[in-house]
Amino acid sequence: HMGADVGIGDAAYGLGAGLFFIGYFLFEIPSNLMLDRFGARRWFARIMITWGAITIGMAFVQGPHSFYVMRFLLGAAEAGFFPGVLYYITQWFPVRHRGKILGLFILSQPIAMMITGPVSGGLLGMDGILGP
């Protein structure tokens, strides 16, 4: 649990989780307006770079305040990705295929989780196999 490593309790951890969604909510629409303005290639690249940089920054969190700031920024950085992809998919496919394509895209997440869950569990179970 990250809370023990950073020195924050469950309530602070929960507040940080909530701040993520506040950042996500506040920046979802502005991010998609920017997607339309700057184009998908540039805007998705910006999302991925800032998302990754902030995720790396999470490793340097020292207490509750830095945790809150980083979680909010992570939500803000990540905000436009999912709705942006949905919008972008609608630009690629004709109206008659959009429902099926969007359904397949949304279905891909639980399918990926069904596959990666057991793989992750197997990898965690290998801890210590090659020695301490």
N, C-alpha and C. Protein backbone atom coordinates (compact mmCIF):
# COMPACT_ATOMS: atom_id res chain seq x y z
N HIS A 1 0.85 -1.17 0.00
CA HIS A 1 0.00 0.00 0.00
C HIS A 1 0.89 1.23 0.00
N MET A 2 0.66 2.12 -0.92
CA MET A 2 1.48 3.31 -1.08
C MET A 2 1.42 4.22 0.15
N GLY A 3 0.28 4.25 0.82
CA GLY A 3 0.11 5.11 1.99
C GLY A 3 1.16 4.88 3.05
N ALA A 4 1.49 3.63 3.32
CA ALA A 4 2.50 3.32 4.34
C ALA A 4 3.88 3.82 3.91
N ASP A 5 4.21 3.70 2.64
CA ASP A 5 5.51 4.15 2.14
C ASP A 5 5.66 5.67 2.21
N VAL A 6 4.58 6.37 1.95
CA VAL A 6 4.61 7.83 1.91
C VAL A 6 4.35 8.44 3.28
N GLY A 7 3.76 7.66 4.16
CA GLY A 7 3.46 8.15 5.50
C GLY A 7 2.13 8.87 5.58
N ILE A 8 1.15 8.39 4.83
CA ILE A 8 -0.19 8.99 4.90
C ILE A 8 -1.19 7.91 5.29
N GLY A 9 -2.24 8.32 5.95
CA GLY A 9 -3.27 7.39 6.39
C GLY A 9 -4.30 7.12 5.31
N ASP A 10 -5.26 6.28 5.67
CA ASP A 10 -6.30 5.91 4.72
C ASP A 10 -7.15 7.10 4.28
N ALA A 11 -7.46 8.00 5.21
CA ALA A 11 -8.28 9.17 4.87
C ALA A 11 -7.55 10.07 3.87
N ALA A 12 -6.26 10.29 4.09
CA ALA A 12 -5.47 11.11 3.17
C ALA A 12 -5.36 10.44 1.81
N TYR A 13 -5.21 9.12 1.83
CA TYR A 13 -5.14 8.38 0.57
C TYR A 13 -6.46 8.50 -0.19
N GLY A 14 -7.57 8.39 0.53
CA GLY A 14 -8.89 8.54 -0.09
C GLY A 14 -9.10 9.94 -0.65
N LEU A 15 -8.65 10.96 0.08
CA LEU A 15 -8.76 12.33 -0.42
C LEU A 15 -7.95 12.50 -1.70
N GLY A 16 -6.76 11.92 -1.73
CA GLY A 16 -5.94 11.98 -2.94
C GLY A 16 -6.62 11.31 -4.12
N ALA A 17 -7.28 10.19 -3.86
CA ALA A 17 -8.02 9.51 -4.93
C ALA A 17 -9.15 10.40 -5.43
N GLY A 18 -9.82 11.07 -4.52
CA GLY A 18 -10.90 11.98 -4.92
C GLY A 18 -10.39 13.17 -5.70
N LEU A 19 -9.23 13.71 -5.32
CA LEU A 19 -8.65 14.84 -6.03
C LEU A 19 -8.28 14.47 -7.46
N PHE A 20 -7.90 13.22 -7.68
CA PHE A 20 -7.65 12.76 -9.04
C PHE A 20 -8.89 12.97 -9.91
N PHE A 21 -10.03 12.56 -9.40
CA PHE A 21 -11.25 12.65 -10.19
C PHE A 21 -11.74 14.09 -10.33
N ILE A 22 -11.43 14.95 -9.37
CA ILE A 22 -11.77 16.37 -9.52
C ILE A 22 -10.95 16.97 -10.67
N GLY A 23 -9.65 16.67 -10.70
CA GLY A 23 -8.81 17.14 -11.81
C GLY A 23 -9.27 16.58 -13.14
N TYR A 24 -9.63 15.31 -13.14
CA TYR A 24 -10.12 14.67 -14.36
C TYR A 24 -11.39 15.36 -14.84
N PHE A 25 -12.34 15.58 -13.93
CA PHE A 25 -13.62 16.19 -14.26
C PHE A 25 -13.43 17.62 -14.80
N LEU A 26 -12.59 18.40 -14.13
CA LEU A 26 -12.42 19.79 -14.52
C LEU A 26 -11.74 19.97 -15.87
N PHE A 27 -10.89 19.03 -16.25
CA PHE A 27 -10.11 19.20 -17.47
C PHE A 27 -10.57 18.33 -18.64
N GLU A 28 -11.62 17.55 -18.47
CA GLU A 28 -12.09 16.68 -19.55
C GLU A 28 -12.55 17.48 -20.77
N ILE A 29 -13.44 18.42 -20.58
CA ILE A 29 -13.96 19.21 -21.71
C ILE A 29 -12.89 20.14 -22.28
N PRO A 30 -12.15 20.90 -21.45
CA PRO A 30 -11.10 21.74 -22.05
C PRO A 30 -10.07 20.94 -22.84
N SER A 31 -9.75 19.75 -22.36
CA SER A 31 -8.79 18.92 -23.06
C SER A 31 -9.30 18.51 -24.44
N ASN A 32 -10.58 18.20 -24.53
CA ASN A 32 -11.12 17.81 -25.83
C ASN A 32 -11.29 19.00 -26.76
N LEU A 33 -11.50 20.19 -26.22
CA LEU A 33 -11.49 21.39 -27.06
C LEU A 33 -10.09 21.62 -27.63
N MET A 34 -9.07 21.36 -26.82
CA MET A 34 -7.69 21.48 -27.29
C MET A 34 -7.36 20.40 -28.32
N LEU A 35 -7.92 19.22 -28.14
CA LEU A 35 -7.74 18.14 -29.13
C LEU A 35 -8.25 18.59 -30.49
N ASP A 36 -9.41 19.21 -30.49
CA ASP A 36 -9.99 19.69 -31.75
C ASP A 36 -9.14 20.82 -32.33
N ARG A 37 -8.59 21.65 -31.48
CA ARG A 37 -7.81 22.80 -31.95
C ARG A 37 -6.42 22.41 -32.46
N PHE A 38 -5.71 21.56 -31.72
CA PHE A 38 -4.32 21.24 -32.05
C PHE A 38 -4.15 19.95 -32.86
N GLY A 39 -5.18 19.13 -32.94
CA GLY A 39 -5.09 17.88 -33.67
C GLY A 39 -4.74 16.72 -32.76
N ALA A 40 -5.18 15.55 -33.17
CA ALA A 40 -5.03 14.35 -32.33
C ALA A 40 -3.57 13.98 -32.11
N ARG A 41 -2.76 14.05 -33.14
CA ARG A 41 -1.37 13.62 -33.00
C ARG A 41 -0.65 14.43 -31.92
N ARG A 42 -0.76 15.73 -32.00
CA ARG A 42 -0.09 16.58 -31.01
C ARG A 42 -0.71 16.45 -29.62
N TRP A 43 -2.04 16.44 -29.58
CA TRP A 43 -2.69 16.47 -28.27
C TRP A 43 -2.56 15.14 -27.53
N PHE A 44 -2.69 14.02 -28.25
CA PHE A 44 -2.49 12.72 -27.58
C PHE A 44 -1.04 12.56 -27.14
N ALA A 45 -0.09 13.09 -27.93
CA ALA A 45 1.31 13.05 -27.51
C ALA A 45 1.51 13.86 -26.23
N ARG A 46 0.89 15.03 -26.16
CA ARG A 46 0.98 15.85 -24.95
C ARG A 46 0.39 15.12 -23.76
N ILE A 47 -0.75 14.47 -23.96
CA ILE A 47 -1.37 13.73 -22.87
C ILE A 47 -0.43 12.62 -22.38
N MET A 48 0.12 11.85 -23.30
CA MET A 48 0.98 10.74 -22.90
C MET A 48 2.25 11.23 -22.20
N ILE A 49 2.84 12.31 -22.69
CA ILE A 49 4.08 12.81 -22.09
C ILE A 49 3.82 13.35 -20.69
N THR A 50 2.79 14.18 -20.53
CA THR A 50 2.52 14.73 -19.20
C THR A 50 2.02 13.65 -18.25
N TRP A 51 1.23 12.72 -18.74
CA TRP A 51 0.75 11.61 -17.92
C TRP A 51 1.96 10.82 -17.39
N GLY A 52 2.88 10.50 -18.29
CA GLY A 52 4.07 9.75 -17.88
C GLY A 52 4.96 10.52 -16.93
N ALA A 53 5.17 11.82 -17.20
CA ALA A 53 6.03 12.63 -16.34
C ALA A 53 5.44 12.75 -14.93
N ILE A 54 4.14 12.95 -14.85
CA ILE A 54 3.50 13.07 -13.54
C ILE A 54 3.51 11.73 -12.82
N THR A 55 3.34 10.65 -13.55
CA THR A 55 3.41 9.32 -12.94
C THR A 55 4.81 9.08 -12.37
N ILE A 56 5.83 9.48 -13.11
CA ILE A 56 7.20 9.38 -12.59
C ILE A 56 7.35 10.25 -11.35
N GLY A 57 6.77 11.45 -11.39
CA GLY A 57 6.82 12.35 -10.25
C GLY A 57 6.17 11.78 -9.00
N MET A 58 5.21 10.88 -9.18
CA MET A 58 4.56 10.24 -8.02
C MET A 58 5.57 9.47 -7.17
N ALA A 59 6.67 9.04 -7.78
CA ALA A 59 7.69 8.31 -7.02
C ALA A 59 8.40 9.21 -6.01
N PHE A 60 8.30 10.52 -6.19
CA PHE A 60 9.00 11.46 -5.32
C PHE A 60 8.09 12.12 -4.29
N VAL A 61 6.89 11.63 -4.16
CA VAL A 61 5.94 12.16 -3.18
C VAL A 61 6.49 11.92 -1.78
N GLN A 62 6.46 12.96 -0.94
CA GLN A 62 7.03 12.88 0.40
C GLN A 62 6.02 12.98 1.53
N GLY A 63 4.83 13.34 1.24
CA GLY A 63 3.83 13.49 2.29
C GLY A 63 2.46 13.76 1.69
N PRO A 64 1.49 14.05 2.52
CA PRO A 64 0.13 14.19 2.01
C PRO A 64 -0.06 15.35 1.04
N HIS A 65 0.60 16.48 1.28
CA HIS A 65 0.37 17.64 0.40
C HIS A 65 0.91 17.40 -1.00
N SER A 66 2.10 16.86 -1.10
CA SER A 66 2.64 16.56 -2.44
C SER A 66 1.83 15.45 -3.10
N PHE A 67 1.32 14.52 -2.30
CA PHE A 67 0.46 13.46 -2.84
C PHE A 67 -0.81 14.06 -3.42
N TYR A 68 -1.43 15.01 -2.72
CA TYR A 68 -2.66 15.64 -3.20
C TYR A 68 -2.41 16.39 -4.51
N VAL A 69 -1.33 17.14 -4.55
CA VAL A 69 -1.02 17.92 -5.76
C VAL A 69 -0.77 16.99 -6.94
N MET A 70 0.01 15.95 -6.72
CA MET A 70 0.33 15.03 -7.82
C MET A 70 -0.89 14.27 -8.31
N ARG A 71 -1.77 13.87 -7.40
CA ARG A 71 -2.99 13.17 -7.82
C ARG A 71 -3.90 14.08 -8.63
N PHE A 72 -4.04 15.34 -8.21
CA PHE A 72 -4.84 16.29 -8.97
C PHE A 72 -4.25 16.50 -10.36
N LEU A 73 -2.93 16.72 -10.42
CA LEU A 73 -2.26 16.92 -11.71
C LEU A 73 -2.36 15.69 -12.59
N LEU A 74 -2.29 14.50 -12.00
CA LEU A 74 -2.44 13.28 -12.77
C LEU A 74 -3.82 13.20 -13.40
N GLY A 75 -4.85 13.53 -12.64
CA GLY A 75 -6.20 13.56 -13.19
C GLY A 75 -6.34 14.57 -14.30
N ALA A 76 -5.74 15.75 -14.12
CA ALA A 76 -5.81 16.79 -15.15
C ALA A 76 -5.08 16.36 -16.42
N ALA A 77 -3.93 15.70 -16.26
CA ALA A 77 -3.15 15.26 -17.42
C ALA A 77 -3.85 14.14 -18.18
N GLU A 78 -4.47 13.25 -17.45
CA GLU A 78 -5.11 12.07 -18.05
C GLU A 78 -6.50 12.38 -18.62
N ALA A 79 -7.06 13.52 -18.24
CA ALA A 79 -8.47 13.83 -18.48
C ALA A 79 -8.94 13.66 -19.91
N GLY A 80 -8.21 14.13 -20.87
CA GLY A 80 -8.71 14.13 -22.23
C GLY A 80 -8.53 12.84 -23.00
N PHE A 81 -7.84 11.87 -22.43
CA PHE A 81 -7.50 10.69 -23.23
C PHE A 81 -8.71 9.86 -23.63
N PHE A 82 -9.45 9.35 -22.68
CA PHE A 82 -10.56 8.45 -23.00
C PHE A 82 -11.64 9.14 -23.83
N PRO A 83 -12.15 10.30 -23.41
CA PRO A 83 -13.15 10.95 -24.26
C PRO A 83 -12.57 11.40 -25.59
N GLY A 84 -11.29 11.74 -25.61
CA GLY A 84 -10.65 12.13 -26.87
C GLY A 84 -10.58 10.97 -27.85
N VAL A 85 -10.26 9.79 -27.34
CA VAL A 85 -10.22 8.61 -28.20
C VAL A 85 -11.63 8.31 -28.74
N LEU A 86 -12.62 8.41 -27.88
CA LEU A 86 -14.00 8.19 -28.34
C LEU A 86 -14.37 9.17 -29.44
N TYR A 87 -14.04 10.43 -29.24
CA TYR A 87 -14.32 11.45 -30.26
C TYR A 87 -13.56 11.14 -31.54
N TYR A 88 -12.30 10.80 -31.41
CA TYR A 88 -11.46 10.55 -32.58
C TYR A 88 -11.96 9.34 -33.37
N ILE A 89 -12.40 8.30 -32.68
CA ILE A 89 -12.94 7.12 -33.36
C ILE A 89 -14.15 7.50 -34.20
N THR A 90 -14.98 8.41 -33.68
CA THR A 90 -16.16 8.81 -34.46
C THR A 90 -15.78 9.54 -35.74
N GLN A 91 -14.57 10.07 -35.82
CA GLN A 91 -14.12 10.75 -37.03
C GLN A 91 -13.62 9.76 -38.08
N TRP A 92 -13.27 8.56 -37.67
CA TRP A 92 -12.71 7.58 -38.59
C TRP A 92 -13.77 6.73 -39.29
N PHE A 93 -14.84 6.44 -38.58
CA PHE A 93 -15.79 5.44 -39.07
C PHE A 93 -17.11 6.08 -39.46
N PRO A 94 -17.76 5.50 -40.47
CA PRO A 94 -19.08 6.02 -40.85
C PRO A 94 -20.10 5.76 -39.73
N VAL A 95 -21.17 6.52 -39.75
CA VAL A 95 -22.18 6.47 -38.69
C VAL A 95 -22.69 5.05 -38.47
N ARG A 96 -22.87 4.28 -39.52
CA ARG A 96 -23.46 2.94 -39.37
C ARG A 96 -22.55 1.97 -38.62
N HIS A 97 -21.24 2.25 -38.55
CA HIS A 97 -20.30 1.36 -37.85
C HIS A 97 -19.87 1.88 -36.48
N ARG A 98 -20.21 3.10 -36.16
CA ARG A 98 -19.69 3.73 -34.94
C ARG A 98 -20.09 3.00 -33.66
N GLY A 99 -21.33 2.58 -33.56
CA GLY A 99 -21.78 1.89 -32.35
C GLY A 99 -20.98 0.63 -32.08
N LYS A 100 -20.77 -0.17 -33.12
CA LYS A 100 -20.02 -1.41 -32.98
C LYS A 100 -18.56 -1.13 -32.62
N ILE A 101 -17.95 -0.17 -33.29
CA ILE A 101 -16.55 0.14 -33.05
C ILE A 101 -16.35 0.70 -31.64
N LEU A 102 -17.23 1.62 -31.23
CA LEU A 102 -17.12 2.18 -29.88
C LEU A 102 -17.35 1.09 -28.82
N GLY A 103 -18.29 0.19 -29.08
CA GLY A 103 -18.54 -0.92 -28.17
C GLY A 103 -17.32 -1.82 -28.03
N LEU A 104 -16.67 -2.12 -29.15
CA LEU A 104 -15.45 -2.95 -29.11
C LEU A 104 -14.32 -2.24 -28.36
N PHE A 105 -14.19 -0.95 -28.58
CA PHE A 105 -13.15 -0.19 -27.88
C PHE A 105 -13.39 -0.22 -26.37
N ILE A 106 -14.62 0.02 -25.95
CA ILE A 106 -14.93 0.04 -24.53
C ILE A 106 -14.81 -1.37 -23.93
N LEU A 107 -15.15 -2.39 -24.70
CA LEU A 107 -15.05 -3.77 -24.24
C LEU A 107 -13.59 -4.23 -24.10
N SER A 108 -12.68 -3.57 -24.80
CA SER A 108 -11.28 -3.99 -24.76
C SER A 108 -10.68 -3.85 -23.36
N GLN A 109 -11.13 -2.89 -22.56
CA GLN A 109 -10.57 -2.71 -21.22
C GLN A 109 -10.86 -3.90 -20.31
N PRO A 110 -12.12 -4.34 -20.15
CA PRO A 110 -12.33 -5.50 -19.28
C PRO A 110 -11.68 -6.77 -19.81
N ILE A 111 -11.59 -6.90 -21.12
CA ILE A 111 -10.91 -8.08 -21.67
C ILE A 111 -9.43 -8.04 -21.30
N ALA A 112 -8.81 -6.86 -21.43
CA ALA A 112 -7.40 -6.72 -21.05
C ALA A 112 -7.21 -7.02 -19.57
N MET A 113 -8.14 -6.59 -18.74
CA MET A 113 -8.03 -6.85 -17.30
C MET A 113 -8.17 -8.33 -16.98
N MET A 114 -8.99 -9.04 -17.74
CA MET A 114 -9.13 -10.49 -17.54
C MET A 114 -7.82 -11.21 -17.85
N ILE A 115 -7.07 -10.68 -18.80
CA ILE A 115 -5.81 -11.31 -19.19
C ILE A 115 -4.68 -10.88 -18.25
N THR A 116 -4.58 -9.58 -17.99
CA THR A 116 -3.44 -9.08 -17.22
C THR A 116 -3.53 -9.38 -15.73
N GLY A 117 -4.73 -9.57 -15.20
CA GLY A 117 -4.87 -9.91 -13.78
C GLY A 117 -4.14 -11.19 -13.42
N PRO A 118 -4.46 -12.30 -14.09
CA PRO A 118 -3.74 -13.54 -13.80
C PRO A 118 -2.24 -13.47 -14.11
N VAL A 119 -1.88 -12.75 -15.17
CA VAL A 119 -0.45 -12.62 -15.50
C VAL A 119 0.26 -11.86 -14.38
N SER A 120 -0.33 -10.77 -13.91
CA SER A 120 0.27 -9.99 -12.81
C SER A 120 0.37 -10.83 -11.54
N GLY A 121 -0.69 -11.57 -11.24
CA GLY A 121 -0.67 -12.45 -10.07
C GLY A 121 0.42 -13.49 -10.17
N GLY A 122 0.59 -14.05 -11.36
CA GLY A 122 1.66 -15.03 -11.57
C GLY A 122 3.03 -14.42 -11.37
N LEU A 123 3.22 -13.21 -11.88
CA LEU A 123 4.50 -12.53 -11.71
C LEU A 123 4.77 -12.21 -10.24
N LEU A 124 3.75 -11.76 -9.52
CA LEU A 124 3.93 -11.48 -8.10
C LEU A 124 4.25 -12.75 -7.32
N GLY A 125 3.69 -13.87 -7.75
CA GLY A 125 3.96 -15.15 -7.10
C GLY A 125 5.38 -15.63 -7.32
N MET A 126 6.07 -15.06 -8.30
CA MET A 126 7.45 -15.45 -8.59
C MET A 126 8.47 -14.72 -7.73
N ASP A 127 8.01 -13.84 -6.86
CA ASP A 127 8.93 -13.08 -6.00
C ASP A 127 9.76 -14.04 -5.16
N GLY A 128 11.05 -13.93 -5.27
CA GLY A 128 11.96 -14.76 -4.50
C GLY A 128 12.37 -16.05 -5.18
N ILE A 129 11.86 -16.34 -6.36
CA ILE A 129 12.19 -17.60 -7.05
C ILE A 129 13.70 -17.69 -7.33
N LEU A 130 14.30 -16.58 -7.74
CA LEU A 130 15.72 -16.59 -8.09
C LEU A 130 16.61 -16.20 -6.92
N GLY A 131 16.04 -16.13 -5.75
CA GLY A 131 16.82 -15.76 -4.57
C GLY A 131 16.28 -14.49 -3.95
N PRO A 132 16.89 -14.08 -2.84
CA PRO A 132 16.39 -12.89 -2.14
C PRO A 132 16.63 -11.60 -2.89
